[in-house]
Amino acid sequence: MPQLITRDVLERSLNWDAYFQLMKEMVAQPVGVYADEKMHRYTQSNLQRTELVLDKMVLNQKLYNALSELKDEWIWLMISEPWCGDASWGATALHILSTATDNIDLRILLRDTNPDIMQAYQTNGANAIPKLVCLRKSDLAELGTWGPRPQVLQALVNEMKADPSIEFKENVRRLHAWYEADMTASIQDEILDLVREWKTK
């Protein structure tokens, strides 16, 4: 089976600064899907959440140590989109984590323009984002994945979706209230376990 994530794929990916700038541009001057009023409103809210995480996230000391002691060079390839509410929390947290070491190169692929990559990393048959793929930089061997949400939140989302008495807007409100209260702690706990696992490969 041919390798799906190649150097050419990485060449068309974005770094965090370019991704964050794209988000701000789509809020200021929306085009394409962002010109839709609802999508534009989502993206405005996501920009505010992204800025909140950048300002408020506290790095787990054990995770910081695990990342700063990393010997191998990794690429964290993240599939994301500025319009995605979950990504405003998860993608931002992963960006901050990647800055704990010079040995992680965070790259971002936009989901909607890379359907072949997204299809290969679906969650329960859905194109759910953000999705992180950890690759060894030397040979692009896949070490593992994470996403799109912390497991404890995913369980809560499944419960809410199974309850027809809860309206969609209320589901969304509860989702983001959970994220804000947790402020990436659950994401960091899961990434810590994964980093320890990936280091053994």
N, C-alpha and C. Protein backbone atom coordinates (compact mmCIF):
# COMPACT_ATOMS: atom_id res chain seq x y z
N MET A 1 0.85 -1.21 0.00
CA MET A 1 0.00 0.00 0.00
C MET A 1 0.88 1.25 0.00
N PRO A 2 0.66 2.17 -0.96
CA PRO A 2 1.50 3.37 -1.02
C PRO A 2 1.27 4.27 0.17
N GLN A 3 2.31 5.00 0.55
CA GLN A 3 2.21 5.90 1.70
C GLN A 3 1.33 7.08 1.34
N LEU A 4 0.34 7.35 2.18
CA LEU A 4 -0.63 8.40 1.90
C LEU A 4 -0.05 9.79 2.19
N ILE A 5 0.61 9.93 3.33
CA ILE A 5 1.20 11.22 3.69
C ILE A 5 2.64 11.24 3.21
N THR A 6 2.88 12.00 2.18
CA THR A 6 4.18 12.09 1.54
C THR A 6 4.78 13.49 1.74
N ARG A 7 6.00 13.65 1.29
CA ARG A 7 6.63 14.97 1.36
C ARG A 7 5.83 16.00 0.56
N ASP A 8 5.23 15.56 -0.54
CA ASP A 8 4.43 16.47 -1.35
C ASP A 8 3.20 16.95 -0.58
N VAL A 9 2.58 16.05 0.17
CA VAL A 9 1.42 16.43 0.99
C VAL A 9 1.85 17.47 2.03
N LEU A 10 2.98 17.22 2.66
CA LEU A 10 3.46 18.15 3.68
C LEU A 10 3.81 19.51 3.08
N GLU A 11 4.25 19.51 1.83
CA GLU A 11 4.60 20.77 1.17
C GLU A 11 3.39 21.69 1.04
N ARG A 12 2.19 21.10 0.91
CA ARG A 12 1.00 21.94 0.74
C ARG A 12 0.30 22.23 2.08
N SER A 13 0.90 21.80 3.17
CA SER A 13 0.31 22.08 4.48
C SER A 13 0.69 23.47 4.95
N LEU A 14 0.00 23.92 6.00
CA LEU A 14 0.23 25.24 6.58
C LEU A 14 0.95 25.11 7.92
N ASN A 15 1.69 26.14 8.29
CA ASN A 15 2.15 26.21 9.68
C ASN A 15 1.08 26.93 10.50
N TRP A 16 1.27 26.99 11.82
CA TRP A 16 0.24 27.58 12.67
C TRP A 16 -0.01 29.04 12.31
N ASP A 17 1.03 29.82 12.07
CA ASP A 17 0.85 31.24 11.79
C ASP A 17 -0.04 31.45 10.56
N ALA A 18 0.19 30.64 9.53
CA ALA A 18 -0.61 30.77 8.30
C ALA A 18 -2.06 30.36 8.54
N TYR A 19 -2.24 29.31 9.34
CA TYR A 19 -3.59 28.84 9.66
C TYR A 19 -4.35 29.89 10.48
N PHE A 20 -3.70 30.44 11.48
CA PHE A 20 -4.32 31.45 12.33
C PHE A 20 -4.63 32.71 11.52
N GLN A 21 -3.74 33.06 10.63
CA GLN A 21 -3.97 34.22 9.76
C GLN A 21 -5.17 33.97 8.84
N LEU A 22 -5.29 32.73 8.33
CA LEU A 22 -6.44 32.39 7.49
C LEU A 22 -7.74 32.57 8.27
N MET A 23 -7.74 32.12 9.52
CA MET A 23 -8.94 32.28 10.35
C MET A 23 -9.31 33.76 10.48
N LYS A 24 -8.33 34.57 10.77
CA LYS A 24 -8.60 36.00 10.94
C LYS A 24 -9.07 36.64 9.63
N GLU A 25 -8.50 36.20 8.50
CA GLU A 25 -8.91 36.74 7.21
C GLU A 25 -10.35 36.36 6.87
N MET A 26 -10.74 35.12 7.23
CA MET A 26 -12.10 34.67 6.93
C MET A 26 -13.13 35.35 7.83
N VAL A 27 -12.69 35.85 8.97
CA VAL A 27 -13.58 36.65 9.81
C VAL A 27 -13.69 38.07 9.25
N ALA A 28 -12.57 38.63 8.83
CA ALA A 28 -12.56 40.02 8.34
C ALA A 28 -13.16 40.16 6.96
N GLN A 29 -12.81 39.23 6.05
CA GLN A 29 -13.30 39.29 4.68
C GLN A 29 -13.66 37.88 4.21
N PRO A 30 -14.83 37.40 4.61
CA PRO A 30 -15.22 36.02 4.31
C PRO A 30 -15.43 35.76 2.82
N VAL A 31 -14.90 34.63 2.36
CA VAL A 31 -15.12 34.18 0.98
C VAL A 31 -15.46 32.70 1.02
N GLY A 32 -16.01 32.19 -0.09
CA GLY A 32 -16.32 30.77 -0.18
C GLY A 32 -17.31 30.36 0.89
N VAL A 33 -17.04 29.24 1.53
CA VAL A 33 -17.94 28.72 2.56
C VAL A 33 -18.10 29.70 3.71
N TYR A 34 -17.09 30.52 3.95
CA TYR A 34 -17.13 31.48 5.06
C TYR A 34 -18.06 32.65 4.80
N ALA A 35 -18.49 32.83 3.54
CA ALA A 35 -19.42 33.89 3.21
C ALA A 35 -20.84 33.55 3.68
N ASP A 36 -21.09 32.28 3.95
CA ASP A 36 -22.37 31.88 4.53
C ASP A 36 -22.49 32.48 5.93
N GLU A 37 -23.62 33.09 6.21
CA GLU A 37 -23.79 33.82 7.47
C GLU A 37 -23.52 32.93 8.69
N LYS A 38 -24.04 31.72 8.66
CA LYS A 38 -23.87 30.82 9.81
C LYS A 38 -22.41 30.41 9.97
N MET A 39 -21.75 30.07 8.86
CA MET A 39 -20.35 29.66 8.94
C MET A 39 -19.46 30.82 9.37
N HIS A 40 -19.81 32.03 8.93
CA HIS A 40 -19.05 33.20 9.33
C HIS A 40 -19.19 33.44 10.83
N ARG A 41 -20.40 33.26 11.35
CA ARG A 41 -20.63 33.43 12.77
C ARG A 41 -19.87 32.39 13.59
N TYR A 42 -19.88 31.15 13.10
CA TYR A 42 -19.10 30.09 13.76
C TYR A 42 -17.63 30.48 13.84
N THR A 43 -17.11 30.97 12.72
CA THR A 43 -15.68 31.27 12.65
C THR A 43 -15.32 32.46 13.54
N GLN A 44 -16.21 33.43 13.64
CA GLN A 44 -16.00 34.54 14.56
C GLN A 44 -15.88 34.03 16.00
N SER A 45 -16.79 33.14 16.37
CA SER A 45 -16.75 32.56 17.72
C SER A 45 -15.48 31.74 17.92
N ASN A 46 -15.08 31.01 16.87
CA ASN A 46 -13.88 30.18 16.98
C ASN A 46 -12.62 31.01 17.14
N LEU A 47 -12.59 32.16 16.50
CA LEU A 47 -11.44 33.05 16.67
C LEU A 47 -11.35 33.51 18.12
N GLN A 48 -12.48 33.84 18.72
CA GLN A 48 -12.49 34.26 20.12
C GLN A 48 -12.04 33.11 21.03
N ARG A 49 -12.49 31.90 20.73
CA ARG A 49 -12.09 30.74 21.55
C ARG A 49 -10.60 30.45 21.38
N THR A 50 -10.13 30.55 20.17
CA THR A 50 -8.71 30.33 19.91
C THR A 50 -7.86 31.30 20.71
N GLU A 51 -8.25 32.56 20.69
CA GLU A 51 -7.51 33.58 21.44
C GLU A 51 -7.60 33.33 22.95
N LEU A 52 -8.74 32.80 23.40
CA LEU A 52 -8.89 32.46 24.81
C LEU A 52 -7.92 31.37 25.23
N VAL A 53 -7.81 30.31 24.41
CA VAL A 53 -6.89 29.22 24.72
C VAL A 53 -5.45 29.72 24.69
N LEU A 54 -5.12 30.52 23.70
CA LEU A 54 -3.76 31.07 23.62
C LEU A 54 -3.40 31.87 24.86
N ASP A 55 -4.40 32.50 25.45
CA ASP A 55 -4.18 33.35 26.62
C ASP A 55 -4.23 32.58 27.94
N LYS A 56 -5.11 31.55 28.01
CA LYS A 56 -5.41 30.94 29.30
C LYS A 56 -4.83 29.54 29.52
N MET A 57 -4.43 28.85 28.46
CA MET A 57 -3.98 27.47 28.64
C MET A 57 -2.70 27.39 29.49
N VAL A 58 -2.72 26.49 30.46
CA VAL A 58 -1.56 26.23 31.32
C VAL A 58 -1.01 24.86 30.96
N LEU A 59 0.26 24.82 30.63
CA LEU A 59 0.87 23.57 30.17
C LEU A 59 1.10 22.61 31.32
N ASN A 60 0.61 21.39 31.15
CA ASN A 60 0.83 20.30 32.11
C ASN A 60 2.34 20.06 32.24
N GLN A 61 2.87 20.13 33.45
CA GLN A 61 4.31 20.04 33.65
C GLN A 61 4.86 18.69 33.20
N LYS A 62 4.15 17.61 33.49
CA LYS A 62 4.62 16.29 33.07
C LYS A 62 4.66 16.18 31.55
N LEU A 63 3.66 16.75 30.91
CA LEU A 63 3.63 16.73 29.45
C LEU A 63 4.74 17.61 28.88
N TYR A 64 4.94 18.76 29.48
CA TYR A 64 6.04 19.63 29.03
C TYR A 64 7.38 18.89 29.13
N ASN A 65 7.59 18.19 30.24
CA ASN A 65 8.84 17.45 30.41
C ASN A 65 8.98 16.36 29.35
N ALA A 66 7.89 15.63 29.11
CA ALA A 66 7.93 14.55 28.12
C ALA A 66 8.24 15.09 26.73
N LEU A 67 7.67 16.24 26.41
CA LEU A 67 7.92 16.83 25.08
C LEU A 67 9.32 17.42 24.99
N SER A 68 9.74 18.10 26.02
CA SER A 68 11.05 18.76 25.98
C SER A 68 12.20 17.75 25.98
N GLU A 69 11.93 16.54 26.46
CA GLU A 69 12.96 15.49 26.48
C GLU A 69 12.94 14.63 25.22
N LEU A 70 12.10 14.97 24.28
CA LEU A 70 11.98 14.19 23.04
C LEU A 70 13.29 14.19 22.26
N LYS A 71 13.75 13.00 21.89
CA LYS A 71 15.01 12.87 21.15
C LYS A 71 14.77 12.82 19.64
N ASP A 72 13.76 12.07 19.23
CA ASP A 72 13.45 11.97 17.80
C ASP A 72 12.77 13.23 17.32
N GLU A 73 12.82 13.44 16.00
CA GLU A 73 12.09 14.55 15.40
C GLU A 73 10.76 14.02 14.87
N TRP A 74 9.69 14.70 15.21
CA TRP A 74 8.36 14.31 14.78
C TRP A 74 7.71 15.41 13.95
N ILE A 75 6.78 14.99 13.12
CA ILE A 75 5.85 15.91 12.47
C ILE A 75 4.47 15.63 13.05
N TRP A 76 3.83 16.65 13.55
CA TRP A 76 2.43 16.53 13.95
C TRP A 76 1.61 17.12 12.80
N LEU A 77 0.99 16.24 12.04
CA LEU A 77 0.15 16.69 10.94
C LEU A 77 -1.29 16.73 11.43
N MET A 78 -1.85 17.90 11.44
CA MET A 78 -3.21 18.08 11.97
C MET A 78 -4.16 18.45 10.84
N ILE A 79 -5.27 17.72 10.78
CA ILE A 79 -6.33 18.02 9.83
C ILE A 79 -7.33 18.91 10.56
N SER A 80 -7.62 20.07 9.99
CA SER A 80 -8.45 21.03 10.72
C SER A 80 -9.11 21.99 9.74
N GLU A 81 -9.95 22.87 10.28
CA GLU A 81 -10.58 23.96 9.52
C GLU A 81 -10.91 25.08 10.51
N PRO A 82 -10.75 26.34 10.11
CA PRO A 82 -11.09 27.44 11.00
C PRO A 82 -12.56 27.48 11.40
N TRP A 83 -13.46 26.91 10.60
CA TRP A 83 -14.88 26.96 10.94
C TRP A 83 -15.28 25.94 12.02
N CYS A 84 -14.39 25.04 12.39
CA CYS A 84 -14.73 23.95 13.30
C CYS A 84 -14.61 24.36 14.76
N GLY A 85 -15.71 24.22 15.51
CA GLY A 85 -15.70 24.59 16.92
C GLY A 85 -14.75 23.77 17.76
N ASP A 86 -14.75 22.44 17.57
CA ASP A 86 -13.82 21.59 18.33
C ASP A 86 -12.38 21.98 18.06
N ALA A 87 -12.09 22.36 16.82
CA ALA A 87 -10.71 22.72 16.46
C ALA A 87 -10.25 23.99 17.15
N SER A 88 -11.19 24.88 17.46
CA SER A 88 -10.78 26.12 18.14
C SER A 88 -10.14 25.82 19.49
N TRP A 89 -10.53 24.71 20.10
CA TRP A 89 -9.92 24.27 21.36
C TRP A 89 -8.77 23.30 21.11
N GLY A 90 -9.05 22.22 20.39
CA GLY A 90 -8.06 21.15 20.21
C GLY A 90 -6.87 21.55 19.37
N ALA A 91 -7.13 22.18 18.23
CA ALA A 91 -6.02 22.56 17.35
C ALA A 91 -5.12 23.59 18.03
N THR A 92 -5.73 24.51 18.76
CA THR A 92 -4.93 25.53 19.45
C THR A 92 -4.09 24.90 20.55
N ALA A 93 -4.67 23.96 21.29
CA ALA A 93 -3.91 23.26 22.33
C ALA A 93 -2.72 22.51 21.73
N LEU A 94 -2.94 21.84 20.62
CA LEU A 94 -1.85 21.08 19.99
C LEU A 94 -0.76 22.01 19.48
N HIS A 95 -1.15 23.17 18.98
CA HIS A 95 -0.14 24.16 18.58
C HIS A 95 0.73 24.54 19.77
N ILE A 96 0.10 24.87 20.89
CA ILE A 96 0.87 25.28 22.08
C ILE A 96 1.78 24.15 22.54
N LEU A 97 1.27 22.92 22.53
CA LEU A 97 2.09 21.78 22.94
C LEU A 97 3.29 21.61 22.03
N SER A 98 3.10 21.83 20.75
CA SER A 98 4.20 21.63 19.79
C SER A 98 5.34 22.61 20.01
N THR A 99 5.05 23.72 20.69
CA THR A 99 6.10 24.72 20.92
C THR A 99 6.97 24.37 22.13
N ALA A 100 6.64 23.28 22.83
CA ALA A 100 7.43 22.88 24.01
C ALA A 100 8.78 22.28 23.61
N THR A 101 8.95 21.96 22.33
CA THR A 101 10.20 21.36 21.87
C THR A 101 10.48 21.77 20.44
N ASP A 102 11.76 21.84 20.09
CA ASP A 102 12.14 22.11 18.71
C ASP A 102 12.02 20.86 17.85
N ASN A 103 11.73 19.71 18.47
CA ASN A 103 11.69 18.45 17.73
C ASN A 103 10.32 18.08 17.19
N ILE A 104 9.34 18.98 17.35
CA ILE A 104 8.03 18.76 16.74
C ILE A 104 7.74 19.87 15.76
N ASP A 105 7.43 19.48 14.53
CA ASP A 105 7.06 20.41 13.47
C ASP A 105 5.56 20.24 13.23
N LEU A 106 4.77 21.22 13.66
CA LEU A 106 3.33 21.15 13.48
C LEU A 106 2.97 21.65 12.09
N ARG A 107 2.23 20.81 11.36
CA ARG A 107 1.75 21.17 10.03
C ARG A 107 0.25 20.95 10.00
N ILE A 108 -0.46 21.77 9.25
CA ILE A 108 -1.92 21.71 9.23
C ILE A 108 -2.42 21.56 7.80
N LEU A 109 -3.26 20.53 7.61
CA LEU A 109 -3.94 20.32 6.33
C LEU A 109 -5.40 20.73 6.49
N LEU A 110 -5.92 21.48 5.54
CA LEU A 110 -7.32 21.85 5.58
C LEU A 110 -8.18 20.66 5.14
N ARG A 111 -9.15 20.32 5.96
CA ARG A 111 -9.97 19.15 5.71
C ARG A 111 -10.67 19.19 4.36
N ASP A 112 -11.27 20.34 4.04
CA ASP A 112 -12.15 20.40 2.89
C ASP A 112 -11.44 20.33 1.55
N THR A 113 -10.15 20.61 1.53
CA THR A 113 -9.39 20.54 0.28
C THR A 113 -8.46 19.33 0.24
N ASN A 114 -8.59 18.45 1.22
CA ASN A 114 -7.80 17.22 1.26
C ASN A 114 -8.69 16.03 1.64
N PRO A 115 -9.72 15.77 0.82
CA PRO A 115 -10.68 14.71 1.17
C PRO A 115 -10.07 13.32 1.23
N ASP A 116 -9.03 13.06 0.44
CA ASP A 116 -8.41 11.74 0.46
C ASP A 116 -7.72 11.48 1.80
N ILE A 117 -7.04 12.50 2.32
CA ILE A 117 -6.38 12.35 3.61
C ILE A 117 -7.43 12.23 4.72
N MET A 118 -8.46 13.07 4.65
CA MET A 118 -9.50 13.03 5.68
C MET A 118 -10.19 11.68 5.72
N GLN A 119 -10.47 11.13 4.57
CA GLN A 119 -11.17 9.85 4.51
C GLN A 119 -10.36 8.75 5.19
N ALA A 120 -9.05 8.84 5.08
CA ALA A 120 -8.19 7.83 5.69
C ALA A 120 -8.13 7.95 7.21
N TYR A 121 -8.53 9.10 7.74
CA TYR A 121 -8.44 9.33 9.18
C TYR A 121 -9.80 9.69 9.78
N GLN A 122 -10.83 9.08 9.25
CA GLN A 122 -12.17 9.29 9.79
C GLN A 122 -12.29 8.71 11.20
N THR A 123 -13.26 9.23 11.93
CA THR A 123 -13.59 8.71 13.25
C THR A 123 -15.01 8.18 13.21
N ASN A 124 -15.15 6.88 13.39
CA ASN A 124 -16.48 6.25 13.33
C ASN A 124 -17.22 6.62 12.05
N GLY A 125 -16.47 6.64 10.94
CA GLY A 125 -17.07 6.92 9.64
C GLY A 125 -17.35 8.38 9.36
N ALA A 126 -16.92 9.27 10.23
CA ALA A 126 -17.20 10.70 10.06
C ALA A 126 -15.90 11.47 9.84
N ASN A 127 -16.01 12.56 9.08
CA ASN A 127 -14.85 13.43 8.82
C ASN A 127 -14.65 14.40 9.97
N ALA A 128 -14.44 13.87 11.16
CA ALA A 128 -14.38 14.67 12.37
C ALA A 128 -12.99 15.27 12.57
N ILE A 129 -12.97 16.55 12.92
CA ILE A 129 -11.72 17.27 13.15
C ILE A 129 -11.81 18.04 14.46
N PRO A 130 -10.64 18.39 15.01
CA PRO A 130 -9.28 18.20 14.50
C PRO A 130 -8.81 16.76 14.67
N LYS A 131 -7.98 16.33 13.74
CA LYS A 131 -7.39 15.00 13.80
C LYS A 131 -5.89 15.15 13.69
N LEU A 132 -5.17 14.60 14.66
CA LEU A 132 -3.72 14.70 14.69
C LEU A 132 -3.10 13.37 14.28
N VAL A 133 -2.14 13.43 13.38
CA VAL A 133 -1.36 12.26 12.96
C VAL A 133 0.09 12.54 13.33
N CYS A 134 0.67 11.69 14.17
CA CYS A 134 2.07 11.86 14.57
C CYS A 134 2.95 11.02 13.65
N LEU A 135 3.92 11.66 13.02
CA LEU A 135 4.82 10.99 12.07
C LEU A 135 6.26 11.16 12.52
N ARG A 136 7.06 10.13 12.33
CA ARG A 136 8.51 10.27 12.53
C ARG A 136 9.05 11.04 11.33
N LYS A 137 9.78 12.08 11.60
CA LYS A 137 10.20 12.98 10.52
C LYS A 137 11.14 12.32 9.52
N SER A 138 11.97 11.42 9.97
CA SER A 138 12.99 10.85 9.11
C SER A 138 12.42 10.01 7.97
N ASP A 139 11.35 9.25 8.25
CA ASP A 139 10.80 8.36 7.22
C ASP A 139 9.29 8.48 7.07
N LEU A 140 8.66 9.43 7.79
CA LEU A 140 7.22 9.65 7.76
C LEU A 140 6.42 8.43 8.22
N ALA A 141 7.05 7.58 9.02
CA ALA A 141 6.32 6.45 9.60
C ALA A 141 5.28 6.99 10.58
N GLU A 142 4.07 6.44 10.51
CA GLU A 142 3.00 6.89 11.40
C GLU A 142 3.16 6.25 12.77
N LEU A 143 3.20 7.10 13.80
CA LEU A 143 3.36 6.62 15.17
C LEU A 143 2.03 6.52 15.91
N GLY A 144 1.03 7.28 15.46
CA GLY A 144 -0.27 7.22 16.09
C GLY A 144 -1.11 8.44 15.77
N THR A 145 -2.34 8.45 16.28
CA THR A 145 -3.26 9.54 16.01
C THR A 145 -3.98 9.96 17.29
N TRP A 146 -4.57 11.14 17.22
CA TRP A 146 -5.44 11.63 18.30
C TRP A 146 -6.54 12.46 17.67
N GLY A 147 -7.71 12.45 18.32
CA GLY A 147 -8.78 13.34 17.93
C GLY A 147 -10.05 12.58 17.56
N PRO A 148 -11.12 13.35 17.38
CA PRO A 148 -11.19 14.81 17.35
C PRO A 148 -11.45 15.48 18.70
N ARG A 149 -11.82 14.66 19.71
CA ARG A 149 -12.15 15.22 21.03
C ARG A 149 -11.55 14.34 22.11
N PRO A 150 -11.40 14.87 23.33
CA PRO A 150 -11.04 14.01 24.46
C PRO A 150 -12.12 12.94 24.64
N GLN A 151 -11.72 11.77 25.06
CA GLN A 151 -12.66 10.65 25.16
C GLN A 151 -13.81 10.95 26.11
N VAL A 152 -13.54 11.62 27.23
CA VAL A 152 -14.59 11.92 28.19
C VAL A 152 -15.63 12.85 27.58
N LEU A 153 -15.21 13.79 26.75
CA LEU A 153 -16.14 14.69 26.09
C LEU A 153 -16.89 13.96 24.99
N GLN A 154 -16.22 13.08 24.28
CA GLN A 154 -16.89 12.32 23.22
C GLN A 154 -18.04 11.50 23.80
N ALA A 155 -17.82 10.92 24.97
CA ALA A 155 -18.87 10.15 25.63
C ALA A 155 -20.06 11.05 25.97
N LEU A 156 -19.77 12.26 26.43
CA LEU A 156 -20.83 13.21 26.75
C LEU A 156 -21.59 13.62 25.49
N VAL A 157 -20.87 13.86 24.42
CA VAL A 157 -21.50 14.23 23.15
C VAL A 157 -22.41 13.11 22.66
N ASN A 158 -21.94 11.87 22.78
CA ASN A 158 -22.77 10.73 22.37
C ASN A 158 -24.07 10.67 23.17
N GLU A 159 -23.97 10.95 24.46
CA GLU A 159 -25.16 10.96 25.33
C GLU A 159 -26.12 12.07 24.90
N MET A 160 -25.60 13.25 24.63
CA MET A 160 -26.45 14.37 24.24
C MET A 160 -27.14 14.09 22.91
N LYS A 161 -26.40 13.52 21.96
CA LYS A 161 -26.99 13.22 20.65
C LYS A 161 -28.07 12.16 20.76
N ALA A 162 -27.95 11.27 21.73
CA ALA A 162 -28.93 10.20 21.91
C ALA A 162 -30.20 10.68 22.60
N ASP A 163 -30.19 11.90 23.12
CA ASP A 163 -31.34 12.45 23.84
C ASP A 163 -32.06 13.44 22.93
N PRO A 164 -33.19 13.04 22.34
CA PRO A 164 -33.89 13.93 21.39
C PRO A 164 -34.49 15.17 22.04
N SER A 165 -34.55 15.20 23.38
CA SER A 165 -35.12 16.37 24.05
C SER A 165 -34.14 17.54 24.10
N ILE A 166 -32.86 17.27 23.81
CA ILE A 166 -31.86 18.34 23.84
C ILE A 166 -31.70 18.91 22.43
N GLU A 167 -31.96 20.18 22.27
CA GLU A 167 -31.84 20.83 20.96
C GLU A 167 -30.37 20.99 20.57
N PHE A 168 -30.14 21.09 19.28
CA PHE A 168 -28.77 21.21 18.75
C PHE A 168 -28.03 22.39 19.37
N LYS A 169 -28.70 23.54 19.48
CA LYS A 169 -28.04 24.72 20.04
C LYS A 169 -27.61 24.47 21.48
N GLU A 170 -28.43 23.73 22.22
CA GLU A 170 -28.08 23.43 23.60
C GLU A 170 -26.89 22.47 23.66
N ASN A 171 -26.85 21.51 22.74
CA ASN A 171 -25.70 20.60 22.65
C ASN A 171 -24.41 21.39 22.42
N VAL A 172 -24.48 22.35 21.51
CA VAL A 172 -23.31 23.17 21.19
C VAL A 172 -22.90 24.00 22.40
N ARG A 173 -23.89 24.58 23.08
CA ARG A 173 -23.59 25.40 24.26
C ARG A 173 -22.89 24.57 25.34
N ARG A 174 -23.41 23.37 25.58
CA ARG A 174 -22.82 22.50 26.59
C ARG A 174 -21.41 22.05 26.19
N LEU A 175 -21.24 21.79 24.90
CA LEU A 175 -19.92 21.37 24.39
C LEU A 175 -18.86 22.42 24.71
N HIS A 176 -19.16 23.67 24.36
CA HIS A 176 -18.17 24.72 24.55
C HIS A 176 -18.02 25.11 26.02
N ALA A 177 -19.09 24.97 26.79
CA ALA A 177 -18.98 25.22 28.23
C ALA A 177 -18.05 24.19 28.87
N TRP A 178 -18.15 22.95 28.40
CA TRP A 178 -17.26 21.89 28.90
C TRP A 178 -15.81 22.22 28.55
N TYR A 179 -15.58 22.57 27.30
CA TYR A 179 -14.22 22.90 26.86
C TYR A 179 -13.65 24.05 27.68
N GLU A 180 -14.47 25.08 27.91
CA GLU A 180 -13.95 26.26 28.62
C GLU A 180 -13.60 25.91 30.07
N ALA A 181 -14.46 25.10 30.70
CA ALA A 181 -14.19 24.71 32.09
C ALA A 181 -12.95 23.82 32.18
N ASP A 182 -12.79 22.96 31.20
CA ASP A 182 -11.65 22.02 31.19
C ASP A 182 -10.35 22.70 30.77
N MET A 183 -10.45 23.69 29.89
CA MET A 183 -9.33 24.47 29.37
C MET A 183 -8.14 23.58 28.99
N THR A 184 -8.41 22.57 28.19
CA THR A 184 -7.46 21.66 27.53
C THR A 184 -6.81 20.64 28.46
N ALA A 185 -7.21 20.58 29.73
CA ALA A 185 -6.58 19.64 30.66
C ALA A 185 -6.75 18.19 30.20
N SER A 186 -7.94 17.84 29.72
CA SER A 186 -8.19 16.47 29.28
C SER A 186 -7.42 16.15 28.00
N ILE A 187 -7.33 17.12 27.11
CA ILE A 187 -6.53 16.92 25.90
C ILE A 187 -5.08 16.65 26.29
N GLN A 188 -4.57 17.44 27.19
CA GLN A 188 -3.17 17.29 27.60
C GLN A 188 -2.92 15.94 28.27
N ASP A 189 -3.87 15.48 29.08
CA ASP A 189 -3.71 14.17 29.73
C ASP A 189 -3.62 13.06 28.68
N GLU A 190 -4.46 13.13 27.65
CA GLU A 190 -4.45 12.10 26.61
C GLU A 190 -3.18 12.18 25.77
N ILE A 191 -2.76 13.39 25.45
CA ILE A 191 -1.54 13.54 24.66
C ILE A 191 -0.32 13.07 25.45
N LEU A 192 -0.30 13.27 26.75
CA LEU A 192 0.80 12.78 27.58
C LEU A 192 0.92 11.26 27.46
N ASP A 193 -0.19 10.56 27.58
CA ASP A 193 -0.17 9.10 27.44
C ASP A 193 0.32 8.69 26.05
N LEU A 194 -0.13 9.42 25.03
CA LEU A 194 0.25 9.08 23.66
C LEU A 194 1.72 9.37 23.39
N VAL A 195 2.21 10.50 23.90
CA VAL A 195 3.63 10.83 23.71
C VAL A 195 4.51 9.74 24.31
N ARG A 196 4.16 9.28 25.50
CA ARG A 196 4.92 8.21 26.13
C ARG A 196 4.88 6.94 25.28
N GLU A 197 3.75 6.66 24.69
CA GLU A 197 3.62 5.49 23.80
C GLU A 197 4.41 5.67 22.52
N TRP A 198 4.27 6.84 21.90
CA TRP A 198 4.94 7.09 20.61
C TRP A 198 6.45 7.08 20.75
N LYS A 199 6.94 7.48 21.92
CA LYS A 199 8.39 7.48 22.12
C LYS A 199 8.99 6.07 22.05
N THR A 200 8.19 5.04 22.27
CA THR A 200 8.70 3.68 22.28
C THR A 200 8.76 3.08 20.88
N LYS A 201 8.26 3.77 19.90
CA LYS A 201 8.17 3.22 18.54
C LYS A 201 9.38 3.61 17.69
